Amino acid sequence: MKTRKLHKWDLTYKEAIQLQRRLAWRARFRPIKKEPRLIAGLDCAFSKDGKKIFAVVVVIKLSDFEVIETVTAARKVSFPYVPGLLSFREAPVCLAAIEKLKTRPDVFIVDGQGIAHPRRFGLASHIGVLIDRPTVGCAKSRLTGSFKQPRQRRGSFSFLTDGAEVIGAVVRTRANVKPVFVSVGHKCTMENAKDIVLACTTKYRLPEPTRLAHQTVGRAKNGIL
């Protein structure tokens, strides 16, 4: 898959924040008209010494969760950990993995935030804009915003808000298990994002594509792959 080169990655913190604000308007909110068939999950992990970062993309067929393709990439860490600037640390290796894909997924689920971000441009939105494909952010924890706990049954959700603005959904993917934080990344709606995450969830908390990517990237960082 091809990716777009919209900016350089060698930026100061101030430049990175300014770039997020400039690019946030490129994140599109539009319904996915065609029923998604291939869903990609994307996750990252760091080596034990923190000097290397790995990314894995797992593509599954939504109808039966068959794994169609798995790709891996590794890069030296070139940007420090700064809350709100995760994409400048992780996106380059994510894009390197995506560029290896031979298939063209209909939707990418990213282990990270979409617009549920202080500048409405988290990792899922950043990647979505650079690959120009529908992306969904599905994070394990909240970065920003307020919410009420959804009911305990599977499929229950509450909105994640920042003032009067809805920036995501807090979705219970398994009964009586901690919810996940879902938000639009690019080229989808909040309803699309929530429905896709639930459609991809089986007996685990995480949607199957990102769960498999998480398992695979864990093996990659430990040198098992």
C-alpha atoms as a PDB file:
ATOM      1  CA  MET A   1       0.000   0.000   0.000  1.00  0.00           C
ATOM      2  CA  LYS A   2       1.128   3.521  -0.737  1.00  0.00           C
ATOM      3  CA  THR A   3       1.224   6.258   1.889  1.00  0.00           C
ATOM      4  CA  ARG A   4       1.228  10.020   1.484  1.00  0.00           C
ATOM      5  CA  LYS A   5       4.247  12.153   2.403  1.00  0.00           C
ATOM      6  CA  LEU A   6       2.601  15.277   3.808  1.00  0.00           C
ATOM      7  CA  HIS A   7       5.327  16.375   6.228  1.00  0.00           C
ATOM      8  CA  LYS A   8       8.708  15.562   7.709  1.00  0.00           C
ATOM      9  CA  TRP A   9       9.092  13.695  11.000  1.00  0.00           C
ATOM     10  CA  ASP A  10      12.140  15.505  12.377  1.00  0.00           C
ATOM     11  CA  LEU A  11      10.210  18.110  14.367  1.00  0.00           C
ATOM     12  CA  THR A  12      10.483  19.905  17.680  1.00  0.00           C
ATOM     13  CA  TYR A  13       7.647  19.488  20.204  1.00  0.00           C
ATOM     14  CA  LYS A  14       6.263  22.897  19.269  1.00  0.00           C
ATOM     15  CA  GLU A  15       6.392  22.110  15.551  1.00  0.00           C
ATOM     16  CA  ALA A  16       4.687  18.737  16.139  1.00  0.00           C
ATOM     17  CA  ILE A  17       1.824  20.393  18.029  1.00  0.00           C
ATOM     18  CA  GLN A  18       1.425  23.021  15.320  1.00  0.00           C
ATOM     19  CA  LEU A  19       1.381  20.281  12.671  1.00  0.00           C
ATOM     20  CA  GLN A  20      -1.362  18.393  14.512  1.00  0.00           C
ATOM     21  CA  ARG A  21      -3.480  21.539  14.560  1.00  0.00           C
ATOM     22  CA  ARG A  22      -2.896  22.124  10.841  1.00  0.00           C
ATOM     23  CA  LEU A  23      -3.655  18.550   9.818  1.00  0.00           C
ATOM     24  CA  ALA A  24      -6.656  17.958  12.102  1.00  0.00           C
ATOM     25  CA  TRP A  25      -8.992  19.535   9.549  1.00  0.00           C
ATOM     26  CA  ARG A  26      -8.009  16.817   7.048  1.00  0.00           C
ATOM     27  CA  ALA A  27      -9.649  14.086   9.162  1.00  0.00           C
ATOM     28  CA  ARG A  28     -12.928  13.399   7.372  1.00  0.00           C
ATOM     29  CA  PHE A  29     -16.231  12.383   8.959  1.00  0.00           C
ATOM     30  CA  ARG A  30     -18.186  10.491   6.326  1.00  0.00           C
ATOM     31  CA  PRO A  31     -20.219   7.276   6.350  1.00  0.00           C
ATOM     32  CA  ILE A  32     -18.633   4.097   5.063  1.00  0.00           C
ATOM     33  CA  LYS A  33     -21.007   3.236   2.233  1.00  0.00           C
ATOM     34  CA  LYS A  34     -19.679  -0.170   1.249  1.00  0.00           C
ATOM     35  CA  GLU A  35     -19.890  -3.004   3.774  1.00  0.00           C
ATOM     36  CA  PRO A  36     -16.323  -3.579   5.064  1.00  0.00           C
ATOM     37  CA  ARG A  37     -14.886  -6.977   4.142  1.00  0.00           C
ATOM     38  CA  LEU A  38     -11.214  -6.794   5.135  1.00  0.00           C
ATOM     39  CA  ILE A  39     -10.303  -5.224   8.480  1.00  0.00           C
ATOM     40  CA  ALA A  40      -6.719  -4.459   9.513  1.00  0.00           C
ATOM     41  CA  GLY A  41      -5.526  -4.235  13.095  1.00  0.00           C
ATOM     42  CA  LEU A  42      -2.437  -2.171  13.922  1.00  0.00           C
ATOM     43  CA  ASP A  43      -0.371  -2.243  17.107  1.00  0.00           C
ATOM     44  CA  CYS A  44       3.133  -1.266  18.270  1.00  0.00           C
ATOM     45  CA  ALA A  45       5.575  -2.360  20.955  1.00  0.00           C
ATOM     46  CA  PHE A  46       8.986  -1.241  22.170  1.00  0.00           C
ATOM     47  CA  SER A  47      12.079  -3.291  22.816  1.00  0.00           C
ATOM     48  CA  LYS A  48      13.066  -3.813  26.455  1.00  0.00           C
ATOM     49  CA  ASP A  49      15.792  -1.178  26.216  1.00  0.00           C
ATOM     50  CA  GLY A  50      13.360   1.299  24.621  1.00  0.00           C
ATOM     51  CA  LYS A  51      15.607   1.915  21.633  1.00  0.00           C
ATOM     52  CA  LYS A  52      13.595   0.078  19.014  1.00  0.00           C
ATOM     53  CA  ILE A  53       9.926   0.090  18.073  1.00  0.00           C
ATOM     54  CA  PHE A  54       8.008  -2.619  16.246  1.00  0.00           C
ATOM     55  CA  ALA A  55       4.709  -2.419  14.371  1.00  0.00           C
ATOM     56  CA  VAL A  56       2.444  -5.197  13.148  1.00  0.00           C
ATOM     57  CA  VAL A  57      -0.566  -5.083  10.850  1.00  0.00           C
ATOM     58  CA  VAL A  58      -2.901  -8.086  10.785  1.00  0.00           C
ATOM     59  CA  VAL A  59      -5.592  -8.204   8.101  1.00  0.00           C
ATOM     60  CA  ILE A  60      -8.621 -10.407   8.708  1.00  0.00           C
ATOM     61  CA  LYS A  61     -11.730 -11.282   6.743  1.00  0.00           C
ATOM     62  CA  LEU A  62     -14.666  -9.944   8.759  1.00  0.00           C
ATOM     63  CA  SER A  63     -17.020 -12.752   7.739  1.00  0.00           C
ATOM     64  CA  ASP A  64     -15.079 -15.510   9.508  1.00  0.00           C
ATOM     65  CA  PHE A  65     -12.032 -13.769  11.070  1.00  0.00           C
ATOM     66  CA  GLU A  66      -9.633 -15.642   8.787  1.00  0.00           C
ATOM     67  CA  VAL A  67      -6.193 -14.019   8.807  1.00  0.00           C
ATOM     68  CA  ILE A  68      -5.405 -12.848   5.273  1.00  0.00           C
ATOM     69  CA  GLU A  69      -2.054 -11.137   5.793  1.00  0.00           C
ATOM     70  CA  THR A  70       0.406 -10.202   8.539  1.00  0.00           C
ATOM     71  CA  VAL A  71       3.259  -7.716   8.117  1.00  0.00           C
ATOM     72  CA  THR A  72       5.898  -6.450  10.526  1.00  0.00           C
ATOM     73  CA  ALA A  73       8.268  -3.475  10.575  1.00  0.00           C
ATOM     74  CA  ALA A  74      10.921  -2.214  12.984  1.00  0.00           C
ATOM     75  CA  ARG A  75      12.606   1.168  13.423  1.00  0.00           C
ATOM     76  CA  LYS A  76      14.910   2.938  15.853  1.00  0.00           C
ATOM     77  CA  VAL A  77      13.023   5.188  18.269  1.00  0.00           C
ATOM     78  CA  SER A  78      13.555   8.768  17.114  1.00  0.00           C
ATOM     79  CA  PHE A  79      11.000  10.734  19.162  1.00  0.00           C
ATOM     80  CA  PRO A  80      10.664  10.722  22.957  1.00  0.00           C
ATOM     81  CA  TYR A  81       7.502   9.906  24.882  1.00  0.00           C
ATOM     82  CA  VAL A  82       5.381  13.050  25.112  1.00  0.00           C
ATOM     83  CA  PRO A  83       1.678  12.784  26.029  1.00  0.00           C
ATOM     84  CA  GLY A  84      -0.432  13.864  23.040  1.00  0.00           C
ATOM     85  CA  LEU A  85       2.421  13.389  20.551  1.00  0.00           C
ATOM     86  CA  LEU A  86       2.317   9.602  20.325  1.00  0.00           C
ATOM     87  CA  SER A  87       1.933   9.591  16.546  1.00  0.00           C
ATOM     88  CA  PHE A  88       5.365  11.179  16.049  1.00  0.00           C
ATOM     89  CA  ARG A  89       6.853   8.287  18.017  1.00  0.00           C
ATOM     90  CA  GLU A  90       4.819   5.437  16.483  1.00  0.00           C
ATOM     91  CA  ALA A  91       3.422   6.495  13.097  1.00  0.00           C
ATOM     92  CA  PRO A  92       6.662   6.161  11.066  1.00  0.00           C
ATOM     93  CA  VAL A  93       7.041   2.459  11.887  1.00  0.00           C
ATOM     94  CA  CYS A  94       3.290   1.917  11.443  1.00  0.00           C
ATOM     95  CA  LEU A  95       3.494   3.390   7.957  1.00  0.00           C
ATOM     96  CA  ALA A  96       6.531   1.226   7.181  1.00  0.00           C
ATOM     97  CA  ALA A  97       4.467  -1.845   8.028  1.00  0.00           C
ATOM     98  CA  ILE A  98       1.435  -0.634   6.064  1.00  0.00           C
ATOM     99  CA  GLU A  99       3.593  -0.061   2.981  1.00  0.00           C
ATOM    100  CA  LYS A 100       4.422  -3.786   3.020  1.00  0.00           C
ATOM    101  CA  LEU A 101       0.771  -4.805   2.659  1.00  0.00           C
ATOM    102  CA  LYS A 102      -0.211  -6.574  -0.534  1.00  0.00           C
ATOM    103  CA  THR A 103      -3.906  -6.470   0.354  1.00  0.00           C
ATOM    104  CA  ARG A 104      -5.917  -3.259   0.624  1.00  0.00           C
ATOM    105  CA  PRO A 105      -7.992  -3.342   3.824  1.00  0.00           C
ATOM    106  CA  ASP A 106     -11.355  -1.598   3.856  1.00  0.00           C
ATOM    107  CA  VAL A 107     -10.862  -0.309   7.405  1.00  0.00           C
ATOM    108  CA  PHE A 108      -7.922  -0.015   9.796  1.00  0.00           C
ATOM    109  CA  ILE A 109      -8.434  -0.325  13.554  1.00  0.00           C
ATOM    110  CA  VAL A 110      -5.537   1.358  15.349  1.00  0.00           C
ATOM    111  CA  ASP A 111      -4.568   0.728  18.958  1.00  0.00           C
ATOM    112  CA  GLY A 112      -4.690   4.408  19.857  1.00  0.00           C
ATOM    113  CA  GLN A 113      -6.831   7.516  19.721  1.00  0.00           C
ATOM    114  CA  GLY A 114      -8.535   9.054  16.715  1.00  0.00           C
ATOM    115  CA  ILE A 115     -10.130  12.449  17.342  1.00  0.00           C
ATOM    116  CA  ALA A 116     -10.388  11.681  21.083  1.00  0.00           C
ATOM    117  CA  HIS A 117      -7.280  13.790  21.480  1.00  0.00           C
ATOM    118  CA  PRO A 118      -6.653  17.310  22.829  1.00  0.00           C
ATOM    119  CA  ARG A 119      -6.010  18.585  19.287  1.00  0.00           C
ATOM    120  CA  ARG A 120      -8.407  16.071  17.641  1.00  0.00           C
ATOM    121  CA  PHE A 121      -5.522  14.365  15.850  1.00  0.00           C
ATOM    122  CA  GLY A 122      -4.378  11.195  17.559  1.00  0.00           C
ATOM    123  CA  LEU A 123      -2.474   8.276  16.089  1.00  0.00           C
ATOM    124  CA  ALA A 124      -5.477   6.779  14.244  1.00  0.00           C
ATOM    125  CA  SER A 125      -6.343  10.120  12.630  1.00  0.00           C
ATOM    126  CA  HIS A 126      -2.726  10.820  11.713  1.00  0.00           C
ATOM    127  CA  ILE A 127      -2.293   7.412  10.074  1.00  0.00           C
ATOM    128  CA  GLY A 128      -5.710   7.655   8.418  1.00  0.00           C
ATOM    129  CA  VAL A 129      -4.883  10.961   6.769  1.00  0.00           C
ATOM    130  CA  LEU A 130      -1.508   9.662   5.561  1.00  0.00           C
ATOM    131  CA  ILE A 131      -2.939   6.462   4.050  1.00  0.00           C
ATOM    132  CA  ASP A 132      -6.273   8.071   3.067  1.00  0.00           C
ATOM    133  CA  ARG A 133      -8.259   5.036   4.220  1.00  0.00           C
ATOM    134  CA  PRO A 134     -11.032   4.662   6.822  1.00  0.00           C
ATOM    135  CA  THR A 135      -9.460   4.345  10.255  1.00  0.00           C
ATOM    136  CA  VAL A 136     -10.872   3.793  13.722  1.00  0.00           C
ATOM    137  CA  GLY A 137      -9.155   4.534  17.003  1.00  0.00           C
ATOM    138  CA  CYS A 138      -9.678   1.860  19.657  1.00  0.00           C
ATOM    139  CA  ALA A 139      -7.696   2.624  22.800  1.00  0.00           C
ATOM    140  CA  LYS A 140      -7.477   0.760  26.084  1.00  0.00           C
ATOM    141  CA  SER A 141      -7.559   3.962  28.132  1.00  0.00           C
ATOM    142  CA  ARG A 142      -8.805   7.544  27.969  1.00  0.00           C
ATOM    143  CA  LEU A 143      -6.492  10.344  26.884  1.00  0.00           C
ATOM    144  CA  THR A 144      -8.919  13.247  27.249  1.00  0.00           C
ATOM    145  CA  GLY A 145     -12.619  13.944  27.759  1.00  0.00           C
ATOM    146  CA  SER A 146     -15.313  12.977  30.261  1.00  0.00           C
ATOM    147  CA  PHE A 147     -17.737  10.073  30.331  1.00  0.00           C
ATOM    148  CA  LYS A 148     -20.136   8.042  32.422  1.00  0.00           C
ATOM    149  CA  GLN A 149     -19.550   4.321  32.723  1.00  0.00           C
ATOM    150  CA  PRO A 150     -21.691   2.403  30.223  1.00  0.00           C
ATOM    151  CA  ARG A 151     -23.923  -0.412  31.428  1.00  0.00           C
ATOM    152  CA  GLN A 152     -22.256  -3.759  32.045  1.00  0.00           C
ATOM    153  CA  ARG A 153     -23.802  -5.712  29.161  1.00  0.00           C
ATOM    154  CA  ARG A 154     -21.932  -6.199  25.894  1.00  0.00           C
ATOM    155  CA  GLY A 155     -22.657  -3.497  23.328  1.00  0.00           C
ATOM    156  CA  SER A 156     -23.496  -0.832  25.891  1.00  0.00           C
ATOM    157  CA  PHE A 157     -21.772   2.491  25.411  1.00  0.00           C
ATOM    158  CA  SER A 158     -21.644   6.069  26.604  1.00  0.00           C
ATOM    159  CA  PHE A 159     -20.308   9.107  24.818  1.00  0.00           C
ATOM    160  CA  LEU A 160     -16.880  10.563  25.506  1.00  0.00           C
ATOM    161  CA  THR A 161     -17.233  14.328  25.531  1.00  0.00           C
ATOM    162  CA  ASP A 162     -15.113  17.448  25.751  1.00  0.00           C
ATOM    163  CA  GLY A 163     -17.502  20.149  26.859  1.00  0.00           C
ATOM    164  CA  ALA A 164     -20.439  19.985  24.446  1.00  0.00           C
ATOM    165  CA  GLU A 165     -18.439  18.109  21.787  1.00  0.00           C
ATOM    166  CA  VAL A 166     -18.728  14.339  21.360  1.00  0.00           C
ATOM    167  CA  ILE A 167     -15.234  13.020  20.628  1.00  0.00           C
ATOM    168  CA  GLY A 168     -15.714   9.287  21.063  1.00  0.00           C
ATOM    169  CA  ALA A 169     -17.621   6.412  22.595  1.00  0.00           C
ATOM    170  CA  VAL A 170     -16.831   4.297  25.639  1.00  0.00           C
ATOM    171  CA  VAL A 171     -17.835   0.819  24.479  1.00  0.00           C
ATOM    172  CA  ARG A 172     -18.384  -2.342  26.511  1.00  0.00           C
ATOM    173  CA  THR A 173     -17.114  -5.097  24.216  1.00  0.00           C
ATOM    174  CA  ARG A 174     -17.564  -7.800  26.857  1.00  0.00           C
ATOM    175  CA  ALA A 175     -20.046  -7.998  29.700  1.00  0.00           C
ATOM    176  CA  ASN A 176     -18.610  -6.929  33.060  1.00  0.00           C
ATOM    177  CA  VAL A 177     -15.202  -6.109  31.534  1.00  0.00           C
ATOM    178  CA  LYS A 178     -13.505  -2.711  31.238  1.00  0.00           C
ATOM    179  CA  PRO A 179     -14.685  -0.772  28.159  1.00  0.00           C
ATOM    180  CA  VAL A 180     -12.548   0.427  25.264  1.00  0.00           C
ATOM    181  CA  PHE A 181     -12.368   4.005  23.994  1.00  0.00           C
ATOM    182  CA  VAL A 182     -13.475   4.270  20.385  1.00  0.00           C
ATOM    183  CA  SER A 183     -13.210   7.320  18.157  1.00  0.00           C
ATOM    184  CA  VAL A 184     -13.248   8.326  14.520  1.00  0.00           C
ATOM    185  CA  GLY A 185      -9.847   8.292  12.899  1.00  0.00           C
ATOM    186  CA  HIS A 186     -10.569   9.203   9.289  1.00  0.00           C
ATOM    187  CA  LYS A 187     -13.268   8.649   6.635  1.00  0.00           C
ATOM    188  CA  CYS A 188     -15.905   7.129   8.917  1.00  0.00           C
ATOM    189  CA  THR A 189     -18.581   8.182  11.409  1.00  0.00           C
ATOM    190  CA  MET A 190     -18.820   7.577  15.135  1.00  0.00           C
ATOM    191  CA  GLU A 191     -21.552   5.024  14.451  1.00  0.00           C
ATOM    192  CA  ASN A 192     -19.315   3.262  11.910  1.00  0.00           C
ATOM    193  CA  ALA A 193     -16.420   3.184  14.361  1.00  0.00           C
ATOM    194  CA  LYS A 194     -18.491   1.739  17.196  1.00  0.00           C
ATOM    195  CA  ASP A 195     -20.222  -0.845  14.991  1.00  0.00           C
ATOM    196  CA  ILE A 196     -16.959  -2.025  13.407  1.00  0.00           C
ATOM    197  CA  VAL A 197     -15.259  -2.492  16.779  1.00  0.00           C
ATOM    198  CA  LEU A 198     -18.214  -4.526  18.073  1.00  0.00           C
ATOM    199  CA  ALA A 199     -18.410  -6.567  14.857  1.00  0.00           C
ATOM    200  CA  CYS A 200     -14.737  -7.460  15.254  1.00  0.00           C
ATOM    201  CA  THR A 201     -15.008  -8.438  18.924  1.00  0.00           C
ATOM    202  CA  THR A 202     -15.477 -12.059  19.932  1.00  0.00           C
ATOM    203  CA  LYS A 203     -14.890 -13.368  23.470  1.00  0.00           C
ATOM    204  CA  TYR A 204     -12.082 -10.926  24.206  1.00  0.00           C
ATOM    205  CA  ARG A 205     -12.069  -7.278  25.217  1.00  0.00           C
ATOM    206  CA  LEU A 206     -10.084  -6.115  22.180  1.00  0.00           C
ATOM    207  CA  PRO A 207     -11.332  -6.371  18.596  1.00  0.00           C
ATOM    208  CA  GLU A 208      -9.808  -9.399  16.912  1.00  0.00           C
ATOM    209  CA  PRO A 209      -7.554  -7.557  14.393  1.00  0.00           C
ATOM    210  CA  THR A 210      -5.805  -5.470  17.059  1.00  0.00           C
ATOM    211  CA  ARG A 211      -5.753  -8.381  19.518  1.00  0.00           C
ATOM    212  CA  LEU A 212      -3.893 -10.506  16.979  1.00  0.00           C
ATOM    213  CA  ALA A 213      -1.600  -7.594  16.106  1.00  0.00           C
ATOM    214  CA  HIS A 214      -0.870  -7.139  19.817  1.00  0.00           C
ATOM    215  CA  GLN A 215       0.063 -10.809  20.188  1.00  0.00           C
ATOM    216  CA  THR A 216       2.251 -10.758  17.087  1.00  0.00           C
ATOM    217  CA  VAL A 217       4.084  -7.550  17.941  1.00  0.00           C
ATOM    218  CA  GLY A 218       4.800  -8.963  21.386  1.00  0.00           C
ATOM    219  CA  ARG A 219       6.550 -11.917  19.767  1.00  0.00           C
ATOM    220  CA  ALA A 220       8.384  -9.586  17.380  1.00  0.00           C
ATOM    221  CA  LYS A 221       9.853  -7.456  20.159  1.00  0.00           C
ATOM    222  CA  ASN A 222      11.007 -10.602  21.965  1.00  0.00           C
ATOM    223  CA  GLY A 223      12.763 -11.871  18.863  1.00  0.00           C
ATOM    224  CA  ILE A 224      10.438 -14.841  18.397  1.00  0.00           C
ATOM    225  CA  LEU A 225       9.393 -13.899  14.853  1.00  0.00           C
END
